[in-house]
Amino acid sequence: MSTLTHFDAHGQAHMVDVAAKASTHRIAIAQGRIDMLPDTLALIASGTAKKGDVLGIARIAGIQGAKRTSDLIPLCHPIALTRVAMDFELVPATGDQPAQVRCSATAETVGPTGVEMEALTAVQVALLTIYDMCKAVDRGMTITDVRLMEKHGGKSGSFVAGT
């Protein structure tokens, strides 16, 4: 197992020095979901939520979240994102599965450090935005299963969840 990189020889937290790392094309894909009542999903699908276009606002919030990751996560480097894409899937309730919105974020850069945290932050912020916009009708929504699905580029190579 690798050692943790955010601690120095004395156990003190520090920002990792990436100056000597090669700039490469890096991409990360994260996903998550928010479970909700079927009526809440119908409200989102119809575009008639009181606060406006839930998924449109969540898409912008996710992109903004990716751009602000280094402001939120203390030891993340500010990076120049070349692309952030947000995708949403509305999934109706079936059997024991609640209604849900699934969210996926893809973040890309060319640089010396990865974009996993940006993709994960984008998903979380988008899902939190959906919660915020719909909480008046469904306070029981649950954000769950946020995780890194893929990352490519850099010295450590590729990671694909489940492989």
C-alpha atoms as a PDB file:
ATOM      1  CA  MET A   1       0.000   0.000   0.000  1.00  0.00           C
ATOM      2  CA  SER A   2       1.202   3.509  -0.831  1.00  0.00           C
ATOM      3  CA  THR A   3       1.954   6.065   1.843  1.00  0.00           C
ATOM      4  CA  LEU A   4      -0.223   9.115   2.326  1.00  0.00           C
ATOM      5  CA  THR A   5       1.189  12.021   0.335  1.00  0.00           C
ATOM      6  CA  HIS A   6      -0.344  14.909   2.271  1.00  0.00           C
ATOM      7  CA  PHE A   7       1.894  14.407   5.314  1.00  0.00           C
ATOM      8  CA  ASP A   8       5.587  15.262   5.602  1.00  0.00           C
ATOM      9  CA  ALA A   9       8.279  13.225   7.411  1.00  0.00           C
ATOM     10  CA  HIS A  10       7.157  14.751  10.712  1.00  0.00           C
ATOM     11  CA  GLY A  11       3.482  13.881  10.226  1.00  0.00           C
ATOM     12  CA  GLN A  12       2.470  17.460   9.459  1.00  0.00           C
ATOM     13  CA  ALA A  13      -0.105  18.152   6.760  1.00  0.00           C
ATOM     14  CA  HIS A  14       1.284  19.846   3.653  1.00  0.00           C
ATOM     15  CA  MET A  15       0.378  20.494   0.048  1.00  0.00           C
ATOM     16  CA  VAL A  16       2.087  17.987  -2.234  1.00  0.00           C
ATOM     17  CA  ASP A  17       4.819  19.492  -4.426  1.00  0.00           C
ATOM     18  CA  VAL A  18       3.854  18.759  -8.036  1.00  0.00           C
ATOM     19  CA  ALA A  19       6.531  20.957  -9.667  1.00  0.00           C
ATOM     20  CA  ALA A  20       8.555  17.997 -10.972  1.00  0.00           C
ATOM     21  CA  LYS A  21       5.535  16.061 -12.271  1.00  0.00           C
ATOM     22  CA  ALA A  22       4.898  15.962 -15.994  1.00  0.00           C
ATOM     23  CA  SER A  23       1.891  17.767 -17.399  1.00  0.00           C
ATOM     24  CA  THR A  24      -0.402  15.190 -18.975  1.00  0.00           C
ATOM     25  CA  HIS A  25      -4.007  15.049 -20.088  1.00  0.00           C
ATOM     26  CA  ARG A  26      -6.011  13.948 -17.047  1.00  0.00           C
ATOM     27  CA  ILE A  27      -9.655  12.981 -16.802  1.00  0.00           C
ATOM     28  CA  ALA A  28     -11.842  11.835 -13.937  1.00  0.00           C
ATOM     29  CA  ILE A  29     -15.454  10.674 -13.841  1.00  0.00           C
ATOM     30  CA  ALA A  30     -17.470  10.613 -10.630  1.00  0.00           C
ATOM     31  CA  GLN A  31     -21.072   9.726  -9.977  1.00  0.00           C
ATOM     32  CA  GLY A  32     -23.683   9.759  -7.245  1.00  0.00           C
ATOM     33  CA  ARG A  33     -27.412   9.919  -6.738  1.00  0.00           C
ATOM     34  CA  ILE A  34     -30.156  11.519  -4.712  1.00  0.00           C
ATOM     35  CA  ASP A  35     -33.119   9.375  -3.676  1.00  0.00           C
ATOM     36  CA  MET A  36     -36.510  11.066  -3.372  1.00  0.00           C
ATOM     37  CA  LEU A  37     -40.262  10.640  -3.412  1.00  0.00           C
ATOM     38  CA  PRO A  38     -41.832   9.880  -6.794  1.00  0.00           C
ATOM     39  CA  ASP A  39     -43.736  13.194  -6.668  1.00  0.00           C
ATOM     40  CA  THR A  40     -40.448  15.065  -6.232  1.00  0.00           C
ATOM     41  CA  LEU A  41     -38.993  13.365  -9.300  1.00  0.00           C
ATOM     42  CA  ALA A  42     -42.137  14.262 -11.261  1.00  0.00           C
ATOM     43  CA  LEU A  43     -41.744  17.888 -10.187  1.00  0.00           C
ATOM     44  CA  ILE A  44     -38.132  17.918 -11.400  1.00  0.00           C
ATOM     45  CA  ALA A  45     -39.075  16.222 -14.689  1.00  0.00           C
ATOM     46  CA  SER A  46     -41.916  18.669 -15.349  1.00  0.00           C
ATOM     47  CA  GLY A  47     -39.715  21.719 -14.785  1.00  0.00           C
ATOM     48  CA  THR A  48     -42.340  23.280 -12.516  1.00  0.00           C
ATOM     49  CA  ALA A  49     -40.377  23.500  -9.253  1.00  0.00           C
ATOM     50  CA  LYS A  50     -40.947  26.830  -7.487  1.00  0.00           C
ATOM     51  CA  LYS A  51     -37.254  27.739  -7.610  1.00  0.00           C
ATOM     52  CA  GLY A  52     -36.958  27.033 -11.351  1.00  0.00           C
ATOM     53  CA  ASP A  53     -35.174  24.531 -13.598  1.00  0.00           C
ATOM     54  CA  VAL A  54     -33.723  22.138 -11.021  1.00  0.00           C
ATOM     55  CA  LEU A  55     -31.386  20.228 -13.330  1.00  0.00           C
ATOM     56  CA  GLY A  56     -30.255  23.333 -15.212  1.00  0.00           C
ATOM     57  CA  ILE A  57     -29.286  25.042 -11.962  1.00  0.00           C
ATOM     58  CA  ALA A  58     -27.703  21.816 -10.617  1.00  0.00           C
ATOM     59  CA  ARG A  59     -25.601  21.558 -13.810  1.00  0.00           C
ATOM     60  CA  ILE A  60     -24.247  25.087 -13.364  1.00  0.00           C
ATOM     61  CA  ALA A  61     -23.701  24.479  -9.621  1.00  0.00           C
ATOM     62  CA  GLY A  62     -21.727  21.300 -10.351  1.00  0.00           C
ATOM     63  CA  ILE A  63     -19.490  23.099 -12.826  1.00  0.00           C
ATOM     64  CA  GLN A  64     -18.974  25.929 -10.337  1.00  0.00           C
ATOM     65  CA  GLY A  65     -18.210  23.373  -7.603  1.00  0.00           C
ATOM     66  CA  ALA A  66     -15.506  21.778  -9.750  1.00  0.00           C
ATOM     67  CA  LYS A  67     -13.972  25.207 -10.386  1.00  0.00           C
ATOM     68  CA  ARG A  68     -13.949  26.025  -6.651  1.00  0.00           C
ATOM     69  CA  THR A  69     -12.635  22.686  -5.327  1.00  0.00           C
ATOM     70  CA  SER A  70      -9.315  24.100  -4.115  1.00  0.00           C
ATOM     71  CA  ASP A  71     -11.258  26.715  -2.115  1.00  0.00           C
ATOM     72  CA  LEU A  72     -13.182  23.950  -0.325  1.00  0.00           C
ATOM     73  CA  ILE A  73     -10.623  21.156   0.114  1.00  0.00           C
ATOM     74  CA  PRO A  74      -7.613  22.632   1.940  1.00  0.00           C
ATOM     75  CA  LEU A  75      -4.770  20.672   0.319  1.00  0.00           C
ATOM     76  CA  CYS A  76      -6.085  20.549  -3.269  1.00  0.00           C
ATOM     77  CA  HIS A  77      -4.118  22.461  -5.864  1.00  0.00           C
ATOM     78  CA  PRO A  78      -5.954  25.084  -7.872  1.00  0.00           C
ATOM     79  CA  ILE A  79      -5.924  23.661 -11.379  1.00  0.00           C
ATOM     80  CA  ALA A  80      -6.834  24.915 -14.829  1.00  0.00           C
ATOM     81  CA  LEU A  81      -9.823  22.833 -15.840  1.00  0.00           C
ATOM     82  CA  THR A  82     -10.185  22.344 -19.568  1.00  0.00           C
ATOM     83  CA  ARG A  83     -13.651  20.767 -19.351  1.00  0.00           C
ATOM     84  CA  VAL A  84     -16.373  19.923 -16.868  1.00  0.00           C
ATOM     85  CA  ALA A  85     -19.468  18.065 -18.079  1.00  0.00           C
ATOM     86  CA  MET A  86     -22.488  17.223 -15.942  1.00  0.00           C
ATOM     87  CA  ASP A  87     -25.040  14.548 -16.832  1.00  0.00           C
ATOM     88  CA  PHE A  88     -28.290  13.666 -15.071  1.00  0.00           C
ATOM     89  CA  GLU A  89     -30.573  10.664 -15.358  1.00  0.00           C
ATOM     90  CA  LEU A  90     -34.091  10.598 -13.910  1.00  0.00           C
ATOM     91  CA  VAL A  91     -34.916   7.128 -12.597  1.00  0.00           C
ATOM     92  CA  PRO A  92     -38.518   6.362 -11.574  1.00  0.00           C
ATOM     93  CA  ALA A  93     -39.262   4.302  -8.477  1.00  0.00           C
ATOM     94  CA  THR A  94     -39.477   0.551  -9.086  1.00  0.00           C
ATOM     95  CA  GLY A  95     -40.188  -2.119  -6.485  1.00  0.00           C
ATOM     96  CA  ASP A  96     -37.866  -1.430  -3.547  1.00  0.00           C
ATOM     97  CA  GLN A  97     -35.828   1.233  -5.405  1.00  0.00           C
ATOM     98  CA  PRO A  98     -36.821   4.838  -4.659  1.00  0.00           C
ATOM     99  CA  ALA A  99     -37.175   7.501  -7.326  1.00  0.00           C
ATOM    100  CA  GLN A 100     -33.793   9.086  -7.940  1.00  0.00           C
ATOM    101  CA  VAL A 101     -31.701  11.481  -9.920  1.00  0.00           C
ATOM    102  CA  ARG A 102     -28.332  10.046 -10.890  1.00  0.00           C
ATOM    103  CA  CYS A 103     -25.552  12.532 -11.499  1.00  0.00           C
ATOM    104  CA  SER A 104     -22.267  12.087 -13.323  1.00  0.00           C
ATOM    105  CA  ALA A 105     -19.441  14.605 -13.632  1.00  0.00           C
ATOM    106  CA  THR A 106     -16.475  14.470 -15.978  1.00  0.00           C
ATOM    107  CA  ALA A 107     -13.557  16.797 -15.267  1.00  0.00           C
ATOM    108  CA  GLU A 108     -10.490  17.263 -17.468  1.00  0.00           C
ATOM    109  CA  THR A 109      -7.237  19.166 -17.354  1.00  0.00           C
ATOM    110  CA  VAL A 110      -3.737  19.151 -18.793  1.00  0.00           C
ATOM    111  CA  GLY A 111      -1.385  19.512 -15.889  1.00  0.00           C
ATOM    112  CA  PRO A 112       0.772  17.913 -13.193  1.00  0.00           C
ATOM    113  CA  THR A 113      -2.022  16.757 -10.875  1.00  0.00           C
ATOM    114  CA  GLY A 114      -5.303  14.913 -11.250  1.00  0.00           C
ATOM    115  CA  VAL A 115      -8.919  16.033 -11.314  1.00  0.00           C
ATOM    116  CA  GLU A 116     -10.566  13.384  -9.144  1.00  0.00           C
ATOM    117  CA  MET A 117     -11.447  15.858  -6.405  1.00  0.00           C
ATOM    118  CA  GLU A 118     -12.964  18.259  -8.931  1.00  0.00           C
ATOM    119  CA  ALA A 119     -15.218  15.544 -10.387  1.00  0.00           C
ATOM    120  CA  LEU A 120     -16.280  14.374  -6.906  1.00  0.00           C
ATOM    121  CA  THR A 121     -16.945  17.937  -5.758  1.00  0.00           C
ATOM    122  CA  ALA A 122     -18.993  18.641  -8.881  1.00  0.00           C
ATOM    123  CA  VAL A 123     -21.261  15.659  -8.144  1.00  0.00           C
ATOM    124  CA  GLN A 124     -21.701  16.592  -4.481  1.00  0.00           C
ATOM    125  CA  VAL A 125     -22.492  20.243  -5.221  1.00  0.00           C
ATOM    126  CA  ALA A 126     -24.955  19.325  -7.980  1.00  0.00           C
ATOM    127  CA  LEU A 127     -26.769  16.866  -5.700  1.00  0.00           C
ATOM    128  CA  LEU A 128     -26.815  19.367  -2.834  1.00  0.00           C
ATOM    129  CA  THR A 129     -28.331  21.903  -5.220  1.00  0.00           C
ATOM    130  CA  ILE A 130     -31.099  19.460  -6.144  1.00  0.00           C
ATOM    131  CA  TYR A 131     -31.746  18.977  -2.427  1.00  0.00           C
ATOM    132  CA  ASP A 132     -31.837  22.725  -1.833  1.00  0.00           C
ATOM    133  CA  MET A 133     -34.218  23.368  -4.698  1.00  0.00           C
ATOM    134  CA  CYS A 134     -36.623  20.576  -3.694  1.00  0.00           C
ATOM    135  CA  LYS A 135     -36.405  20.523   0.113  1.00  0.00           C
ATOM    136  CA  ALA A 136     -39.676  22.420   0.496  1.00  0.00           C
ATOM    137  CA  VAL A 137     -41.548  19.384  -0.863  1.00  0.00           C
ATOM    138  CA  ASP A 138     -39.241  16.518   0.231  1.00  0.00           C
ATOM    139  CA  ARG A 139     -36.919  16.919   3.227  1.00  0.00           C
ATOM    140  CA  GLY A 140     -36.305  13.152   3.266  1.00  0.00           C
ATOM    141  CA  MET A 141     -34.154  13.098   0.133  1.00  0.00           C
ATOM    142  CA  THR A 142     -30.908  11.166   0.571  1.00  0.00           C
ATOM    143  CA  ILE A 143     -27.623  11.809  -1.230  1.00  0.00           C
ATOM    144  CA  THR A 144     -25.750   8.539  -1.611  1.00  0.00           C
ATOM    145  CA  ASP A 145     -23.214   6.466  -3.533  1.00  0.00           C
ATOM    146  CA  VAL A 146     -20.912   9.347  -4.508  1.00  0.00           C
ATOM    147  CA  ARG A 147     -17.690   7.815  -5.792  1.00  0.00           C
ATOM    148  CA  LEU A 148     -14.916   7.963  -8.330  1.00  0.00           C
ATOM    149  CA  MET A 149     -15.723   5.787 -11.327  1.00  0.00           C
ATOM    150  CA  GLU A 150     -12.685   6.407 -13.536  1.00  0.00           C
ATOM    151  CA  LYS A 151      -9.476   8.377 -13.704  1.00  0.00           C
ATOM    152  CA  HIS A 152      -6.912   8.458 -16.465  1.00  0.00           C
ATOM    153  CA  GLY A 153      -3.571  10.190 -16.924  1.00  0.00           C
ATOM    154  CA  GLY A 154      -0.577  10.848 -14.775  1.00  0.00           C
ATOM    155  CA  LYS A 155       2.121   8.597 -13.337  1.00  0.00           C
ATOM    156  CA  SER A 156      -0.270   6.254 -11.547  1.00  0.00           C
ATOM    157  CA  GLY A 157      -2.126   5.496 -14.781  1.00  0.00           C
ATOM    158  CA  SER A 158      -5.767   4.536 -15.028  1.00  0.00           C
ATOM    159  CA  PHE A 159      -8.329   3.518 -12.438  1.00  0.00           C
ATOM    160  CA  VAL A 160     -11.724   2.086 -13.308  1.00  0.00           C
ATOM    161  CA  ALA A 161     -14.063   1.193 -10.449  1.00  0.00           C
ATOM    162  CA  GLY A 162     -14.902  -2.466 -10.219  1.00  0.00           C
ATOM    163  CA  THR A 163     -11.949  -3.719 -12.251  1.00  0.00           C
END
